[in-house]
Amino acid sequence: MNGPEIRVEFAPGLSLFVPHARRRGATPVVTDGVSTLGHVVESLGVPLTEVGALVVDGREVPVSHVPRADETVRVRAVARPQQVPGAPLRFLLDVHLGTLARRLRLLGVDAAYESTDIGDPALAARSAAEKRVMLSRDRGLLRRRELWAGAFVYSTRPDDQLRDVLDRFRPGLAPWTRCTACNGQLEDATKEEVADQLEHGTHRTYDVFARCRDCGRAYWKGAHHDRLEAIVERALAGYADRR
């Protein structure tokens, strides 16, 4: 690019996306004179899904603003809790976030998940068609214009991923109401209704069951219940009263 030079300063929370040389203070950037500020910010490595306000010389501007020479731009991180207007809060997760998807479902959060790599165009199209917030660690995917909404998942650890999503979006929590396998709604079921899915020991030991309305999978308080209960209790203690 060979056009107006501006100075760009990124909020500390966005430092992950930018080179070390741009992580402290406002640094010079040469623009082409026609690209929008949103394009300039993304060209520097920051997906617009992670950007809050864009402040130019003390005034907030839209992503469509075309920078002029000598402007100073401050790029703020998205505000938390983040509001997603226009539709019920629902998520779509890519193939790399299966554990996070199951934990969100455990908490009753509507979390669709692609267990195979269907490609960025198809994911973005589904996000738009179903009005779901795309959760991903793929910056290229999050830069696709057809996304309805998106958010970068900052950690590779499921515990931290869950905390981050709950803190950012504050979804309503309704534990034990969704199928962790398919995202369908659970309903009470009798032992007889799910008997064909039960081993002999389970049939003899447990009396309370639920079943997914969509895939028919049976649920009961089995060997892993204490671990799952701990996940639920941490989430409720940390976020249920902060919506």
Protein backbone atom coordinates (compact mmCIF):
# COMPACT_ATOMS: atom_id res chain seq x y z
CA MET A 1 0.00 0.00 0.00
CA ASN A 2 1.19 3.51 -0.79
CA GLY A 3 -1.30 5.99 0.61
CA PRO A 4 -2.16 7.92 3.78
CA GLU A 5 -0.27 6.94 6.92
CA ILE A 6 -2.29 6.50 10.09
CA ARG A 7 -1.44 5.35 13.59
CA VAL A 8 -3.23 2.34 15.06
CA GLU A 9 -3.35 1.28 18.72
CA PHE A 10 -4.89 -2.04 19.75
CA ALA A 11 -6.50 -2.80 23.11
CA PRO A 12 -4.43 -5.21 25.24
CA GLY A 13 -7.07 -7.92 24.83
CA LEU A 14 -6.38 -8.00 21.09
CA SER A 15 -2.62 -8.44 21.39
CA LEU A 16 -2.92 -12.15 20.54
CA PHE A 17 -3.79 -11.24 16.96
CA VAL A 18 -1.14 -8.63 16.14
CA PRO A 19 2.66 -8.80 15.77
CA HIS A 20 4.75 -7.94 18.81
CA ALA A 21 5.81 -4.66 17.22
CA ARG A 22 2.20 -3.43 17.27
CA ARG A 23 1.34 -4.45 20.83
CA ARG A 24 2.50 -1.27 22.55
CA GLY A 25 1.08 2.12 21.76
CA ALA A 26 0.01 3.56 18.43
CA THR A 27 2.18 2.36 15.56
CA PRO A 28 2.25 3.69 11.98
CA VAL A 29 0.30 1.93 9.23
CA VAL A 30 0.35 2.92 5.56
CA THR A 31 -3.07 2.52 3.94
CA ASP A 32 -4.14 2.56 0.28
CA GLY A 33 -6.49 5.51 0.64
CA VAL A 34 -9.64 3.59 -0.41
CA SER A 35 -9.97 0.58 1.92
CA THR A 36 -12.29 0.85 4.90
CA LEU A 37 -11.00 0.91 8.44
CA GLY A 38 -12.58 -2.50 9.00
CA HIS A 39 -10.53 -3.92 6.13
CA VAL A 40 -7.36 -2.29 7.48
CA VAL A 41 -7.91 -3.75 10.95
CA GLU A 42 -8.50 -7.24 9.56
CA SER A 43 -5.43 -6.95 7.33
CA LEU A 44 -3.44 -6.39 10.51
CA GLY A 45 -4.68 -9.74 11.87
CA VAL A 46 -7.69 -8.90 14.03
CA PRO A 47 -11.08 -10.45 13.08
CA LEU A 48 -13.88 -7.90 13.31
CA THR A 49 -15.80 -10.34 15.51
CA GLU A 50 -13.34 -9.36 18.27
CA VAL A 51 -13.52 -5.61 17.73
CA GLY A 52 -15.70 -3.32 19.80
CA ALA A 53 -15.52 0.41 19.16
CA LEU A 54 -13.24 2.01 16.58
CA VAL A 55 -12.22 5.43 17.87
CA VAL A 56 -10.58 7.88 15.46
CA ASP A 57 -9.09 11.03 17.01
CA GLY A 58 -11.48 10.72 19.93
CA ARG A 59 -14.69 10.00 18.00
CA GLU A 60 -16.27 6.62 17.36
CA VAL A 61 -16.55 5.65 13.69
CA PRO A 62 -18.10 2.69 11.81
CA VAL A 63 -16.03 -0.04 10.17
CA SER A 64 -16.90 1.58 6.83
CA HIS A 65 -14.84 4.69 7.68
CA VAL A 66 -12.04 5.32 5.18
CA PRO A 67 -8.92 6.44 7.07
CA ARG A 68 -7.32 9.77 6.24
CA ALA A 69 -3.71 10.81 6.68
CA ASP A 70 -2.44 11.36 10.23
CA GLU A 71 -5.53 9.90 11.94
CA THR A 72 -4.99 8.00 15.18
CA VAL A 73 -7.14 4.90 15.52
CA ARG A 74 -7.79 3.09 18.77
CA VAL A 75 -9.20 -0.40 18.32
CA ARG A 76 -11.10 -1.55 21.38
CA ALA A 77 -12.00 -5.12 22.26
CA VAL A 78 -15.64 -6.21 22.10
CA ALA A 79 -17.58 -5.24 25.22
CA ARG A 80 -18.63 -7.92 27.69
CA PRO A 81 -21.25 -9.13 28.14
CA GLN A 82 -21.73 -9.01 24.39
CA GLN A 83 -25.25 -8.39 23.12
CA VAL A 84 -26.33 -10.32 20.03
CA PRO A 85 -29.53 -8.65 18.81
CA GLY A 86 -32.11 -9.96 16.42
CA ALA A 87 -32.51 -13.65 17.33
CA PRO A 88 -32.43 -16.06 20.26
CA LEU A 89 -28.84 -16.65 21.38
CA ARG A 90 -27.69 -19.86 19.70
CA PHE A 91 -24.25 -21.15 18.78
CA LEU A 92 -22.54 -23.13 16.03
CA LEU A 93 -19.18 -24.77 16.76
CA ASP A 94 -16.65 -26.10 14.28
CA VAL A 95 -15.12 -29.58 14.22
CA HIS A 96 -12.35 -28.70 16.71
CA LEU A 97 -14.67 -27.69 19.56
CA GLY A 98 -16.58 -30.88 20.31
CA THR A 99 -15.91 -30.89 24.06
CA LEU A 100 -17.03 -27.27 24.38
CA ALA A 101 -20.21 -28.08 22.43
CA ARG A 102 -21.07 -30.96 24.76
CA ARG A 103 -20.48 -28.82 27.85
CA LEU A 104 -22.67 -26.01 26.54
CA ARG A 105 -25.41 -28.56 25.84
CA LEU A 106 -24.97 -29.98 29.33
CA LEU A 107 -25.85 -26.49 30.59
CA GLY A 108 -28.91 -26.32 28.36
CA VAL A 109 -27.37 -23.91 25.82
CA ASP A 110 -28.39 -24.37 22.18
CA ALA A 111 -25.07 -25.40 20.61
CA ALA A 112 -25.01 -26.96 17.14
CA TYR A 113 -21.79 -28.74 16.24
CA GLU A 114 -20.27 -30.10 13.06
CA SER A 115 -18.42 -33.33 13.86
CA THR A 116 -16.80 -33.39 10.42
CA ASP A 117 -14.92 -30.70 8.55
CA ILE A 118 -17.55 -29.38 6.14
CA GLY A 119 -15.46 -26.36 5.17
CA ASP A 120 -15.59 -22.67 6.00
CA PRO A 121 -18.15 -21.68 3.32
CA ALA A 122 -20.68 -24.26 4.57
CA LEU A 123 -20.16 -23.28 8.22
CA ALA A 124 -20.60 -19.60 7.43
CA ALA A 125 -23.73 -20.36 5.40
CA ARG A 126 -25.24 -22.36 8.27
CA SER A 127 -24.43 -19.56 10.72
CA ALA A 128 -26.32 -17.13 8.49
CA ALA A 129 -29.25 -19.44 7.71
CA GLU A 130 -29.87 -20.43 11.34
CA LYS A 131 -28.77 -17.10 12.93
CA ARG A 132 -26.16 -18.78 15.10
CA VAL A 133 -23.02 -17.27 16.61
CA MET A 134 -20.05 -19.08 15.05
CA LEU A 135 -17.52 -20.17 17.68
CA SER A 136 -14.10 -21.05 16.28
CA ARG A 137 -10.34 -20.66 16.64
CA ASP A 138 -10.08 -20.29 12.85
CA ARG A 139 -9.44 -16.61 12.13
CA GLY A 140 -10.06 -17.09 8.43
CA LEU A 141 -13.52 -18.50 9.11
CA LEU A 142 -14.35 -15.59 11.41
CA ARG A 143 -13.43 -13.11 8.67
CA ARG A 144 -16.05 -14.48 6.26
CA ARG A 145 -18.59 -11.79 5.45
CA GLU A 146 -21.56 -14.16 5.25
CA LEU A 147 -21.34 -15.09 8.95
CA TRP A 148 -24.34 -13.97 10.95
CA ALA A 149 -22.13 -13.43 14.01
CA GLY A 150 -18.95 -14.97 15.36
CA ALA A 151 -16.51 -15.15 18.24
CA PHE A 152 -12.94 -16.35 18.58
CA VAL A 153 -12.37 -19.06 21.21
CA TYR A 154 -9.18 -17.93 22.91
CA SER A 155 -8.07 -21.03 24.79
CA THR A 156 -7.36 -24.61 23.77
CA ARG A 157 -8.49 -25.92 27.20
CA PRO A 158 -12.20 -26.86 27.46
CA ASP A 159 -12.53 -25.49 31.02
CA ASP A 160 -11.20 -22.10 29.94
CA GLN A 161 -13.21 -22.16 26.71
CA LEU A 162 -16.44 -22.67 28.62
CA ARG A 163 -15.65 -19.89 31.10
CA ASP A 164 -14.82 -17.54 28.23
CA VAL A 165 -18.04 -18.19 26.30
CA LEU A 166 -20.20 -17.89 29.43
CA ASP A 167 -18.46 -14.67 30.45
CA ARG A 168 -18.72 -13.14 26.98
CA PHE A 169 -22.33 -13.98 26.11
CA ARG A 170 -23.99 -14.82 29.47
CA PRO A 171 -26.45 -17.31 27.92
CA GLY A 172 -29.37 -18.53 29.96
CA LEU A 173 -28.51 -21.82 31.67
CA ALA A 174 -30.89 -24.75 32.02
CA PRO A 175 -28.74 -27.76 32.99
CA TRP A 176 -29.76 -31.31 32.12
CA THR A 177 -32.32 -30.24 29.50
CA ARG A 178 -30.40 -30.95 26.27
CA CYS A 179 -28.94 -34.04 24.67
CA THR A 180 -25.15 -33.76 24.72
CA ALA A 181 -24.99 -35.97 21.64
CA CYS A 182 -27.33 -34.16 19.24
CA ASN A 183 -28.49 -30.93 20.97
CA GLY A 184 -32.12 -32.07 21.13
CA GLN A 185 -34.44 -31.43 24.07
CA LEU A 186 -34.70 -34.02 26.86
CA GLU A 187 -37.93 -35.33 28.33
CA ASP A 188 -38.69 -37.65 31.23
CA ALA A 189 -38.86 -41.33 30.33
CA THR A 190 -39.84 -44.53 32.11
CA LYS A 191 -37.46 -47.43 32.50
CA GLU A 192 -39.62 -49.45 30.15
CA GLU A 193 -39.37 -46.81 27.43
CA VAL A 194 -35.55 -46.93 27.40
CA ALA A 195 -35.06 -50.57 28.40
CA ASP A 196 -33.54 -51.53 25.06
CA GLN A 197 -30.61 -49.13 25.73
CA LEU A 198 -29.80 -50.39 29.24
CA GLU A 199 -27.27 -52.96 30.36
CA HIS A 200 -28.50 -55.41 32.98
CA GLY A 201 -26.72 -53.63 35.83
CA THR A 202 -28.07 -50.24 34.82
CA HIS A 203 -31.58 -51.64 34.52
CA ARG A 204 -31.34 -53.07 38.03
CA THR A 205 -29.68 -50.03 39.69
CA TYR A 206 -31.38 -46.93 38.25
CA ASP A 207 -35.01 -45.85 38.13
CA VAL A 208 -34.94 -42.23 36.88
CA PHE A 209 -34.36 -41.64 33.18
CA ALA A 210 -34.62 -39.01 30.48
CA ARG A 211 -34.71 -39.41 26.71
CA CYS A 212 -33.86 -37.12 23.81
CA ARG A 213 -36.89 -36.17 21.75
CA ASP A 214 -34.80 -36.07 18.58
CA CYS A 215 -32.36 -38.99 18.63
CA GLY A 216 -33.96 -41.11 21.38
CA ARG A 217 -30.78 -41.44 23.46
CA ALA A 218 -31.40 -42.38 27.10
CA TYR A 219 -29.84 -40.57 30.09
CA TRP A 220 -29.47 -41.44 33.76
CA LYS A 221 -27.20 -40.55 36.68
CA GLY A 222 -24.43 -43.00 35.89
CA ALA A 223 -20.75 -43.32 36.71
CA HIS A 224 -19.78 -39.95 35.20
CA HIS A 225 -22.52 -37.96 36.87
CA ASP A 226 -20.34 -36.51 39.66
CA ARG A 227 -17.87 -35.08 37.12
CA LEU A 228 -20.67 -33.57 35.06
CA GLU A 229 -22.37 -32.22 38.18
CA ALA A 230 -19.15 -30.41 39.10
CA ILE A 231 -19.09 -28.69 35.68
CA VAL A 232 -22.71 -27.62 36.13
CA GLU A 233 -22.18 -26.34 39.66
CA ARG A 234 -19.16 -24.24 38.66
CA ALA A 235 -21.10 -22.70 35.81
CA LEU A 236 -24.14 -21.90 37.94
CA ALA A 237 -22.02 -20.44 40.73
CA GLY A 238 -20.04 -18.25 38.35
CA TYR A 239 -22.59 -17.02 35.83
CA ALA A 240 -26.21 -17.89 36.55
CA ASP A 241 -26.70 -14.79 38.73
CA ARG A 242 -24.80 -12.44 36.37
CA ARG A 243 -27.05 -12.47 33.30
